[in-house]
Amino acid sequence: MAVSDAILKRLLALHPKIIDLSLDRMHRILAALGHPQRALPPVIHVAGTNGKGSTIAYMQAAMEAAGLRVHTYSSPHLVRFHERIRLGAPGGGGPISDEELSELLERCEAANDGLPITFFEITTAAAMLAFSSHPADYLLLEVGLGGRLDATNVIDRPALSIITAVDLDHQQYLGDTIETIAAEKAGILKAGVQAVIARQDNDALAAIEARAVHTGTRLLVAGRDWQSFEQHGRLVYQDEDGLLDLPMPALAGRFQVDNAGTAIAALRALDDSRMDEKDISQAMTAVRWPARMQRITSGRLVDLCGSNAELWLDGGHNPAAGQAIAQSLADLSERVEKPVVLVLGMLNTKAAANYVAPFAGLVAGIVTLSIPDEENALSAEDLAAIARGQGIDAEPADSIEDAIATAAKAFETPRIVVCGSLYLAGHVLALNAGEKAGAVSGTSNKKG
């Protein structure tokens, strides 16, 4: 076990609740640390339900293509906690080292002095210490949950705000309607700071616009101020400054046209002369974002599938993600038809029936499992019953390996899609590489 893993496990005990949205504890610990949030590179603050990670990945790829140093902060991690804090460097950066992470966590622990603070809050404070200590051109800062009271919302004046697609998720914390959730996301809007808004449900957009009027924020809204669409196998982006004819995104899924468009609108809004169309074009093909309709082509689990099967992975876990994955699978079937089998694991806090519903009539069957080492996981048997309730044949399995082997044996040339949870996705990536997922996962990740 890495030194930082032991510290991270210890920090989990500082607050009885995994999620307790408030900014008071963040302001307290940041003050004790000397206000590192005031010494960050220019911040692009990104909120939303779906598409945050992909949008950040496109922006990072374009900025790095232009030779810029880019820090990124994202959650949850897939395999190791260190993935959350990525430090920019010339030619591209990488995850924070275990040595530096351990030192920063210990500083935060000492500054907190045993007072209640959530795991996400204290680790976000450590991330801000890291980012303030390393020069960079930009920090791409992803909201953890919501926006208004999220631990990242201590930045007084970001360079730009972004709100990706808003949908129902985490209703127990954010509200049970699109409008209330969108209002929470719009809590990141700041006076005098432009905000790029992805394609939204009408009610979500109305809530965002109401907040923008209150803060005096200029919005750049998809479908009104800019648009992105596929045409003749190319990605076309258009705004008042002109049209870009770009390669289609390397990330699979029709919804990536919207995510890429959001990133391009944000890059154009920054009006940074160091970045140009060539850098954006390169980003479309260079972008990488694991566990988002990711085709896995080698590794232990791929070998388990057999040579004629395809193995795909997606960590989306809400109804909108289910719809997007189903659409992507339909598009794949139009090109190369194969029987599709889902390997599904989900948390008991998610709307499993609504997630599964779009796959009815599209997939040949579902193999369910209980996510390893996750106390809030639905049992394989309960999840299979939910799938059958949506009219889909389903059977439970004992493990990831058992589920994939069962799916592979069911058909001669299947397209196997592991989905339903980012926690599950992390275990799959680790198992496929012959590793073990990081010691701190499960409850310390909040989304999956």
Protein backbone atom coordinates (compact mmCIF):
# COMPACT_ATOMS: atom_id res chain seq x y z
CA MET A 1 0.00 0.00 0.00
CA ALA A 2 1.31 3.46 -0.90
CA VAL A 3 1.94 5.91 1.95
CA SER A 4 -0.81 8.21 0.66
CA ASP A 5 -3.36 5.36 0.72
CA ALA A 6 -2.90 4.96 4.47
CA ILE A 7 -3.35 8.71 5.01
CA LEU A 8 -6.44 8.78 2.76
CA LYS A 9 -8.03 5.95 4.75
CA ARG A 10 -7.38 7.88 7.95
CA LEU A 11 -9.00 11.02 6.54
CA LEU A 12 -12.21 9.14 5.83
CA ALA A 13 -12.89 9.09 9.57
CA LEU A 14 -12.87 12.88 10.04
CA HIS A 15 -16.55 13.36 9.27
CA PRO A 16 -19.40 10.89 9.79
CA LYS A 17 -21.06 11.83 6.51
CA ILE A 18 -19.53 11.10 3.13
CA ILE A 19 -21.40 14.04 1.60
CA ASP A 20 -22.32 17.16 3.59
CA LEU A 21 -22.53 20.12 1.25
CA SER A 22 -21.20 23.32 2.81
CA LEU A 23 -18.45 25.86 2.19
CA ASP A 24 -17.76 26.74 5.85
CA ARG A 25 -15.28 23.90 6.46
CA MET A 26 -13.48 24.64 3.18
CA HIS A 27 -13.03 28.31 4.00
CA ARG A 28 -11.73 27.36 7.44
CA ILE A 29 -9.08 24.90 6.26
CA LEU A 30 -8.00 27.07 3.32
CA ALA A 31 -7.48 29.99 5.70
CA ALA A 32 -5.35 27.73 7.92
CA LEU A 33 -3.30 26.76 4.85
CA GLY A 34 -2.72 30.36 3.76
CA HIS A 35 -5.46 30.60 1.12
CA PRO A 36 -3.91 28.52 -1.70
CA GLN A 37 -7.09 29.05 -3.77
CA ARG A 38 -5.95 32.65 -4.28
CA ALA A 39 -2.67 31.57 -5.90
CA LEU A 40 -4.02 29.23 -8.60
CA PRO A 41 -3.47 29.51 -12.35
CA PRO A 42 -6.47 30.83 -14.33
CA VAL A 43 -9.36 28.49 -13.48
CA ILE A 44 -11.98 27.04 -15.81
CA HIS A 45 -14.70 25.82 -13.44
CA VAL A 46 -16.86 22.99 -14.82
CA ALA A 47 -20.20 21.84 -13.40
CA GLY A 48 -22.97 19.64 -14.84
CA THR A 49 -24.43 16.15 -14.61
CA ASN A 50 -23.05 14.47 -17.72
CA GLY A 51 -20.11 15.34 -19.95
CA LYS A 52 -17.88 17.22 -17.51
CA GLY A 53 -14.95 14.83 -17.80
CA SER A 54 -15.12 14.57 -21.59
CA THR A 55 -15.38 18.35 -21.98
CA ILE A 56 -12.32 18.80 -19.78
CA ALA A 57 -10.46 16.12 -21.74
CA TYR A 58 -11.03 17.96 -25.05
CA MET A 59 -9.90 21.27 -23.53
CA GLN A 60 -6.83 19.66 -22.00
CA ALA A 61 -5.90 18.05 -25.32
CA ALA A 62 -6.23 21.35 -27.20
CA MET A 63 -4.27 23.32 -24.62
CA GLU A 64 -1.49 20.75 -24.55
CA ALA A 65 -1.41 20.70 -28.36
CA ALA A 66 -0.69 24.42 -28.12
CA GLY A 67 2.20 23.74 -25.74
CA LEU A 68 0.44 25.02 -22.62
CA ARG A 69 0.78 23.61 -19.11
CA VAL A 70 -2.58 22.40 -17.82
CA HIS A 71 -3.55 21.20 -14.34
CA THR A 72 -6.75 19.16 -14.01
CA TYR A 73 -8.86 18.21 -11.01
CA SER A 74 -11.53 15.54 -11.44
CA SER A 75 -13.44 12.96 -9.43
CA PRO A 76 -13.97 10.18 -8.83
CA HIS A 77 -10.83 8.28 -9.72
CA LEU A 78 -10.95 4.98 -11.55
CA VAL A 79 -7.97 2.99 -10.27
CA ARG A 80 -5.86 5.24 -8.00
CA PHE A 81 -6.70 8.41 -6.11
CA HIS A 82 -3.70 10.17 -7.67
CA GLU A 83 -5.63 10.37 -10.98
CA ARG A 84 -7.77 13.14 -9.48
CA ILE A 85 -4.86 15.61 -9.25
CA ARG A 86 -3.03 15.97 -12.53
CA LEU A 87 -0.13 18.42 -12.69
CA GLY A 88 0.69 20.06 -15.99
CA ALA A 89 4.17 20.03 -17.46
CA PRO A 90 5.78 20.92 -20.80
CA GLY A 91 4.70 18.30 -23.32
CA GLY A 92 1.90 17.03 -21.06
CA GLY A 93 1.67 16.28 -17.36
CA GLY A 94 0.53 13.40 -15.22
CA PRO A 95 -0.91 12.35 -11.86
CA ILE A 96 0.62 13.77 -8.70
CA SER A 97 3.41 11.66 -7.21
CA ASP A 98 2.75 9.60 -4.11
CA GLU A 99 5.50 11.45 -2.25
CA GLU A 100 4.03 14.90 -2.93
CA LEU A 101 0.46 13.78 -2.32
CA SER A 102 1.42 12.26 1.04
CA GLU A 103 3.20 15.46 2.12
CA LEU A 104 0.25 17.66 1.15
CA LEU A 105 -2.31 15.41 2.83
CA GLU A 106 -0.30 15.50 6.06
CA ARG A 107 -0.15 19.32 5.87
CA CYS A 108 -3.92 19.45 5.44
CA GLU A 109 -4.48 16.98 8.25
CA ALA A 110 -2.35 19.10 10.60
CA ALA A 111 -4.07 22.33 9.53
CA ASN A 112 -7.48 20.77 10.09
CA ASP A 113 -6.48 19.81 13.64
CA GLY A 114 -9.00 16.99 13.99
CA LEU A 115 -12.07 19.09 13.25
CA PRO A 116 -14.96 17.63 11.22
CA ILE A 117 -14.36 17.84 7.49
CA THR A 118 -15.44 15.58 4.64
CA PHE A 119 -13.00 13.47 2.69
CA PHE A 120 -13.72 15.41 -0.50
CA GLU A 121 -13.18 18.75 1.23
CA ILE A 122 -9.81 17.93 2.74
CA THR A 123 -8.52 16.26 -0.41
CA THR A 124 -9.72 19.24 -2.49
CA ALA A 125 -7.73 21.48 -0.14
CA ALA A 126 -4.68 19.28 -0.79
CA ALA A 127 -5.27 19.59 -4.53
CA MET A 128 -5.38 23.38 -4.30
CA LEU A 129 -2.11 23.35 -2.40
CA ALA A 130 -0.60 21.27 -5.18
CA PHE A 131 -1.93 23.46 -7.97
CA SER A 132 -0.81 26.65 -6.24
CA SER A 133 2.74 25.27 -5.93
CA HIS A 134 3.23 24.39 -9.61
CA PRO A 135 3.12 27.05 -12.36
CA ALA A 136 0.63 26.39 -15.15
CA ASP A 137 -1.29 28.26 -17.82
CA TYR A 138 -4.72 26.91 -16.77
CA LEU A 139 -6.44 24.79 -14.15
CA LEU A 140 -9.43 22.75 -15.36
CA LEU A 141 -11.43 22.36 -12.15
CA GLU A 142 -14.31 19.87 -12.10
CA VAL A 143 -17.11 20.28 -9.56
CA GLY A 144 -17.54 17.24 -7.33
CA LEU A 145 -21.28 17.42 -6.67
CA GLY A 146 -23.79 20.16 -7.46
CA GLY A 147 -22.02 23.50 -7.60
CA ARG A 148 -23.32 26.13 -5.20
CA LEU A 149 -22.02 24.38 -2.06
CA ASP A 150 -19.40 22.14 -3.65
CA ALA A 151 -15.92 22.28 -2.13
CA THR A 152 -14.48 23.62 -5.40
CA ASN A 153 -16.75 26.68 -5.33
CA VAL A 154 -14.29 28.78 -3.34
CA ILE A 155 -12.79 30.42 -6.43
CA ASP A 156 -13.77 34.09 -6.35
CA ARG A 157 -13.18 34.83 -10.01
CA PRO A 158 -12.47 32.00 -12.46
CA ALA A 159 -11.39 32.76 -16.01
CA LEU A 160 -14.48 30.96 -17.32
CA SER A 161 -17.37 28.84 -16.07
CA ILE A 162 -18.93 25.88 -17.90
CA ILE A 163 -22.16 23.99 -17.25
CA THR A 164 -22.47 20.74 -19.18
CA ALA A 165 -25.75 18.84 -19.64
CA VAL A 166 -27.90 18.77 -16.50
CA ASP A 167 -30.08 15.77 -15.66
CA LEU A 168 -31.56 13.97 -12.67
CA ASP A 169 -28.87 12.56 -10.40
CA HIS A 170 -28.04 12.80 -6.69
CA GLN A 171 -31.60 13.98 -6.00
CA GLN A 172 -31.16 13.30 -2.28
CA TYR A 173 -28.63 16.15 -2.17
CA LEU A 174 -29.56 18.47 -5.03
CA GLY A 175 -33.36 18.30 -5.32
CA ASP A 176 -35.80 16.12 -7.22
CA THR A 177 -36.47 18.25 -10.31
CA ILE A 178 -34.34 19.34 -13.24
CA GLU A 179 -34.94 22.99 -12.27
CA THR A 180 -33.66 22.63 -8.70
CA ILE A 181 -30.63 20.61 -9.78
CA ALA A 182 -29.79 23.13 -12.52
CA ALA A 183 -30.09 25.96 -10.00
CA GLU A 184 -27.54 24.19 -7.79
CA LYS A 185 -25.18 23.73 -10.73
CA ALA A 186 -25.63 27.40 -11.67
CA GLY A 187 -24.31 28.31 -8.23
CA ILE A 188 -20.81 28.40 -9.79
CA LEU A 189 -21.72 31.42 -11.93
CA LYS A 190 -19.85 34.57 -10.93
CA ALA A 191 -20.41 38.25 -11.68
CA GLY A 192 -18.47 39.40 -14.71
CA VAL A 193 -17.29 35.87 -15.65
CA GLN A 194 -18.54 34.42 -18.93
CA ALA A 195 -20.14 30.98 -18.84
CA VAL A 196 -20.47 28.41 -21.63
CA ILE A 197 -23.71 26.41 -21.37
CA ALA A 198 -24.09 23.05 -23.11
CA ARG A 199 -27.33 21.85 -24.67
CA GLN A 200 -29.96 21.76 -21.91
CA ASP A 201 -33.51 20.73 -21.15
CA ASN A 202 -35.71 23.86 -21.34
CA ASP A 203 -36.41 23.83 -17.59
CA ALA A 204 -32.71 23.48 -16.78
CA LEU A 205 -31.80 26.34 -19.10
CA ALA A 206 -34.46 28.56 -17.54
CA ALA A 207 -33.00 27.95 -14.08
CA ILE A 208 -29.47 28.68 -15.29
CA GLU A 209 -30.60 31.85 -17.04
CA ALA A 210 -32.40 33.04 -13.90
CA ARG A 211 -29.19 32.67 -11.90
CA ALA A 212 -27.21 34.45 -14.63
CA VAL A 213 -29.56 37.44 -14.45
CA HIS A 214 -29.00 37.58 -10.68
CA THR A 215 -25.19 37.44 -10.98
CA GLY A 216 -24.85 39.50 -14.14
CA THR A 217 -23.19 36.63 -16.01
CA ARG A 218 -23.01 36.55 -19.80
CA LEU A 219 -24.03 33.12 -21.08
CA LEU A 220 -22.87 31.50 -24.31
CA VAL A 221 -25.63 28.96 -24.89
CA ALA A 222 -25.61 25.94 -27.22
CA GLY A 223 -28.09 26.32 -30.07
CA ARG A 224 -28.25 30.09 -29.61
CA ASP A 225 -24.71 31.47 -29.48
CA TRP A 226 -22.92 28.44 -30.89
CA GLN A 227 -23.67 25.03 -32.33
CA SER A 228 -21.86 21.80 -33.14
CA PHE A 229 -23.05 18.98 -35.37
CA GLU A 230 -21.88 16.10 -37.54
CA GLN A 231 -21.88 16.60 -41.29
CA HIS A 232 -20.41 14.20 -43.86
CA GLY A 233 -18.29 12.48 -41.23
CA ARG A 234 -16.87 15.75 -39.90
CA LEU A 235 -17.51 17.82 -36.79
CA VAL A 236 -18.78 21.27 -37.71
CA TYR A 237 -18.65 24.02 -35.09
CA GLN A 238 -20.11 27.48 -35.69
CA ASP A 239 -20.41 30.68 -33.68
CA GLU A 240 -20.50 34.40 -34.43
CA ASP A 241 -16.76 34.36 -35.17
CA GLY A 242 -17.02 31.75 -37.90
CA LEU A 243 -17.10 28.06 -38.73
CA LEU A 244 -14.65 25.26 -37.95
CA ASP A 245 -14.49 22.06 -40.01
CA LEU A 246 -12.88 19.45 -37.75
CA PRO A 247 -12.28 15.71 -37.48
CA MET A 248 -14.92 13.77 -35.59
CA PRO A 249 -14.00 13.20 -31.92
CA ALA A 250 -11.95 10.11 -31.11
CA LEU A 251 -14.25 9.40 -28.15
CA ALA A 252 -17.11 7.10 -29.16
CA GLY A 253 -20.75 8.12 -28.91
CA ARG A 254 -23.02 10.57 -30.72
CA PHE A 255 -23.21 12.68 -27.54
CA GLN A 256 -19.50 13.49 -27.90
CA VAL A 257 -20.40 15.98 -30.63
CA ASP A 258 -22.09 18.05 -27.91
CA ASN A 259 -19.25 17.60 -25.42
CA ALA A 260 -16.63 18.56 -28.01
CA GLY A 261 -18.72 21.56 -29.04
CA THR A 262 -18.92 22.72 -25.42
CA ALA A 263 -15.14 22.47 -25.10
CA ILE A 264 -14.59 24.37 -28.36
CA ALA A 265 -16.99 27.12 -27.29
CA ALA A 266 -15.05 27.43 -24.03
CA LEU A 267 -11.68 27.54 -25.78
CA ARG A 268 -12.95 30.26 -28.13
CA ALA A 269 -14.42 32.23 -25.21
CA LEU A 270 -10.98 32.32 -23.54
CA ASP A 271 -9.71 34.23 -26.58
CA ASP A 272 -6.16 33.03 -25.94
CA SER A 273 -3.97 33.78 -28.96
CA ARG A 274 -1.68 30.88 -28.04
CA MET A 275 -4.38 28.42 -29.18
CA ASP A 276 -5.70 28.16 -32.73
CA GLU A 277 -7.83 25.95 -34.99
CA LYS A 278 -4.92 23.56 -35.57
CA ASP A 279 -4.72 22.82 -31.84
CA ILE A 280 -8.48 22.24 -31.61
CA SER A 281 -8.35 19.94 -34.64
CA GLN A 282 -5.52 17.93 -33.10
CA ALA A 283 -7.44 17.66 -29.83
CA MET A 284 -10.37 15.94 -31.54
CA THR A 285 -8.19 12.98 -32.50
CA ALA A 286 -5.72 13.04 -29.58
CA VAL A 287 -8.31 13.17 -26.77
CA ARG A 288 -8.43 10.30 -24.29
CA TRP A 289 -10.96 9.73 -21.50
CA PRO A 290 -11.11 6.24 -19.94
CA ALA A 291 -14.39 4.44 -19.21
CA ARG A 292 -16.53 6.56 -21.52
CA MET A 293 -17.59 4.20 -24.33
CA GLN A 294 -14.03 2.94 -24.28
CA ARG A 295 -13.11 0.02 -26.51
CA ILE A 296 -10.67 -2.22 -24.63
CA THR A 297 -8.52 -4.12 -27.10
CA SER A 298 -5.92 -5.93 -24.98
CA GLY A 299 -5.43 -7.27 -21.46
CA ARG A 300 -6.53 -10.09 -19.17
CA LEU A 301 -10.27 -9.51 -19.51
CA VAL A 302 -10.03 -9.16 -23.28
CA ASP A 303 -8.30 -12.54 -23.40
CA LEU A 304 -11.15 -13.94 -21.31
CA CYS A 305 -13.65 -12.76 -23.93
CA GLY A 306 -12.06 -14.66 -26.78
CA SER A 307 -10.75 -13.40 -30.09
CA ASN A 308 -14.15 -12.83 -31.74
CA ALA A 309 -15.71 -10.69 -29.01
CA GLU A 310 -15.55 -6.95 -28.44
CA LEU A 311 -15.16 -5.50 -24.94
CA TRP A 312 -16.42 -1.99 -24.18
CA LEU A 313 -16.51 -0.02 -20.92
CA ASP A 314 -18.62 2.92 -19.77
CA GLY A 315 -18.95 4.33 -16.27
CA GLY A 316 -22.16 6.33 -16.81
CA HIS A 317 -24.73 5.57 -14.14
CA ASN A 318 -27.83 7.77 -14.49
CA PRO A 319 -30.82 7.48 -16.87
CA ALA A 320 -29.38 10.01 -19.34
CA ALA A 321 -26.16 7.99 -19.48
CA GLY A 322 -28.19 4.83 -20.16
CA GLN A 323 -29.91 6.56 -23.07
CA ALA A 324 -26.58 7.80 -24.46
CA ILE A 325 -24.94 4.38 -24.23
CA ALA A 326 -27.96 2.75 -25.88
CA GLN A 327 -27.78 5.26 -28.74
CA SER A 328 -24.07 4.59 -29.14
CA LEU A 329 -24.70 0.85 -29.30
CA ALA A 330 -27.42 1.37 -31.89
CA ASP A 331 -24.98 3.40 -33.98
CA LEU A 332 -22.33 0.68 -33.66
CA SER A 333 -24.84 -1.96 -34.74
CA GLU A 334 -25.62 0.04 -37.87
CA ARG A 335 -21.95 -0.26 -38.84
CA VAL A 336 -21.15 -3.78 -37.61
CA GLU A 337 -24.00 -5.84 -36.21
CA LYS A 338 -23.19 -8.10 -33.27
CA PRO A 339 -25.29 -9.46 -30.39
CA VAL A 340 -24.90 -7.04 -27.46
CA VAL A 341 -24.63 -8.28 -23.88
CA LEU A 342 -24.39 -5.88 -20.95
CA VAL A 343 -22.33 -6.70 -17.87
CA LEU A 344 -24.04 -4.49 -15.33
CA GLY A 345 -23.27 -3.36 -11.79
CA MET A 346 -24.91 -0.40 -10.04
CA LEU A 347 -25.25 1.33 -6.69
CA ASN A 348 -28.50 1.13 -4.75
CA THR A 349 -28.69 4.94 -4.82
CA LYS A 350 -29.16 5.00 -8.60
CA ALA A 351 -32.34 4.75 -10.67
CA ALA A 352 -31.47 1.31 -12.02
CA ALA A 353 -34.79 0.61 -13.78
CA ASN A 354 -34.66 3.93 -15.63
CA TYR A 355 -31.02 3.32 -16.54
CA VAL A 356 -31.78 -0.13 -17.97
CA ALA A 357 -35.01 0.78 -19.80
CA PRO A 358 -33.39 2.18 -23.01
CA PHE A 359 -31.67 -1.18 -23.63
CA ALA A 360 -34.93 -3.12 -24.03
CA GLY A 361 -35.10 -4.52 -27.57
CA LEU A 362 -31.49 -3.50 -28.18
CA VAL A 363 -29.44 -5.97 -26.13
CA ALA A 364 -29.63 -9.75 -26.22
CA GLY A 365 -29.25 -10.02 -22.46
CA ILE A 366 -27.69 -8.68 -19.27
CA VAL A 367 -25.31 -10.36 -16.86
CA THR A 368 -25.43 -8.65 -13.47
CA LEU A 369 -22.96 -8.54 -10.61
CA SER A 370 -22.47 -6.83 -7.27
CA ILE A 371 -19.71 -4.22 -7.48
CA PRO A 372 -16.71 -5.50 -5.50
CA ASP A 373 -15.85 -3.83 -2.18
CA GLU A 374 -18.83 -1.46 -2.34
CA GLU A 375 -21.30 -1.62 0.54
CA ASN A 376 -23.92 0.38 -1.40
CA ALA A 377 -23.89 -1.93 -4.42
CA LEU A 378 -27.10 -3.57 -5.59
CA SER A 379 -26.88 -7.35 -5.33
CA ALA A 380 -26.52 -9.25 -8.58
CA GLU A 381 -29.87 -10.95 -7.93
CA ASP A 382 -31.76 -7.69 -7.26
CA LEU A 383 -30.24 -6.03 -10.33
CA ALA A 384 -31.16 -9.02 -12.51
CA ALA A 385 -34.75 -8.78 -11.26
CA ILE A 386 -34.82 -5.07 -12.15
CA ALA A 387 -33.57 -5.84 -15.66
CA ARG A 388 -36.17 -8.57 -16.12
CA GLY A 389 -38.79 -6.06 -15.03
CA GLN A 390 -37.81 -4.00 -18.08
CA GLY A 391 -38.36 -7.00 -20.36
CA ILE A 392 -34.67 -7.97 -20.72
CA ASP A 393 -33.28 -11.47 -20.08
CA ALA A 394 -30.85 -11.27 -17.17
CA GLU A 395 -28.83 -13.60 -15.00
CA PRO A 396 -26.58 -12.90 -12.00
CA ALA A 397 -22.87 -13.69 -11.81
CA ASP A 398 -20.44 -14.00 -8.91
CA SER A 399 -17.62 -11.75 -10.11
CA ILE A 400 -16.42 -9.51 -12.94
CA GLU A 401 -14.49 -12.38 -14.49
CA ASP A 402 -17.47 -14.72 -14.18
CA ALA A 403 -19.81 -12.13 -15.69
CA ILE A 404 -17.57 -11.46 -18.70
CA ALA A 405 -16.96 -15.16 -19.29
CA THR A 406 -20.72 -15.83 -19.10
CA ALA A 407 -21.42 -13.02 -21.59
CA ALA A 408 -18.73 -14.29 -23.96
CA LYS A 409 -20.08 -17.87 -23.91
CA ALA A 410 -23.65 -16.82 -24.61
CA PHE A 411 -22.96 -15.83 -28.22
CA GLU A 412 -20.35 -16.60 -30.84
CA THR A 413 -19.21 -13.01 -31.54
CA PRO A 414 -20.70 -10.77 -28.85
CA ARG A 415 -20.23 -7.09 -28.17
CA ILE A 416 -19.82 -7.04 -24.38
CA VAL A 417 -20.41 -3.71 -22.63
CA VAL A 418 -19.49 -3.35 -18.97
CA CYS A 419 -21.48 -0.44 -17.57
CA GLY A 420 -23.52 1.09 -14.76
CA SER A 421 -20.88 2.46 -12.40
CA LEU A 422 -17.58 4.29 -12.33
CA TYR A 423 -16.59 2.12 -9.36
CA LEU A 424 -17.14 -0.97 -11.49
CA ALA A 425 -15.21 0.65 -14.35
CA GLY A 426 -12.23 1.19 -12.07
CA HIS A 427 -12.20 -2.45 -11.01
CA VAL A 428 -12.43 -3.54 -14.66
CA LEU A 429 -9.48 -1.37 -15.74
CA ALA A 430 -7.39 -2.60 -12.82
CA LEU A 431 -8.26 -6.28 -13.38
CA ASN A 432 -7.60 -5.99 -17.10
CA ALA A 433 -4.14 -4.60 -16.38
CA GLY A 434 -3.43 -7.27 -13.76
CA GLU A 435 -3.58 -4.74 -10.93
CA LYS A 436 -5.80 -4.07 -7.93
CA ALA A 437 -7.93 -0.94 -7.71
CA GLY A 438 -6.60 1.67 -5.26
CA ALA A 439 -7.19 1.10 -1.57
CA VAL A 440 -9.30 4.23 -1.32
CA SER A 441 -12.33 3.83 -3.52
CA GLY A 442 -15.98 3.09 -2.90
CA THR A 443 -17.40 5.58 -0.43
CA SER A 444 -14.66 8.12 -1.03
CA ASN A 445 -15.85 8.42 -4.62
CA LYS A 446 -19.16 10.22 -4.77
CA LYS A 447 -20.60 9.80 -8.21
CA GLY A 448 -20.49 6.25 -9.34
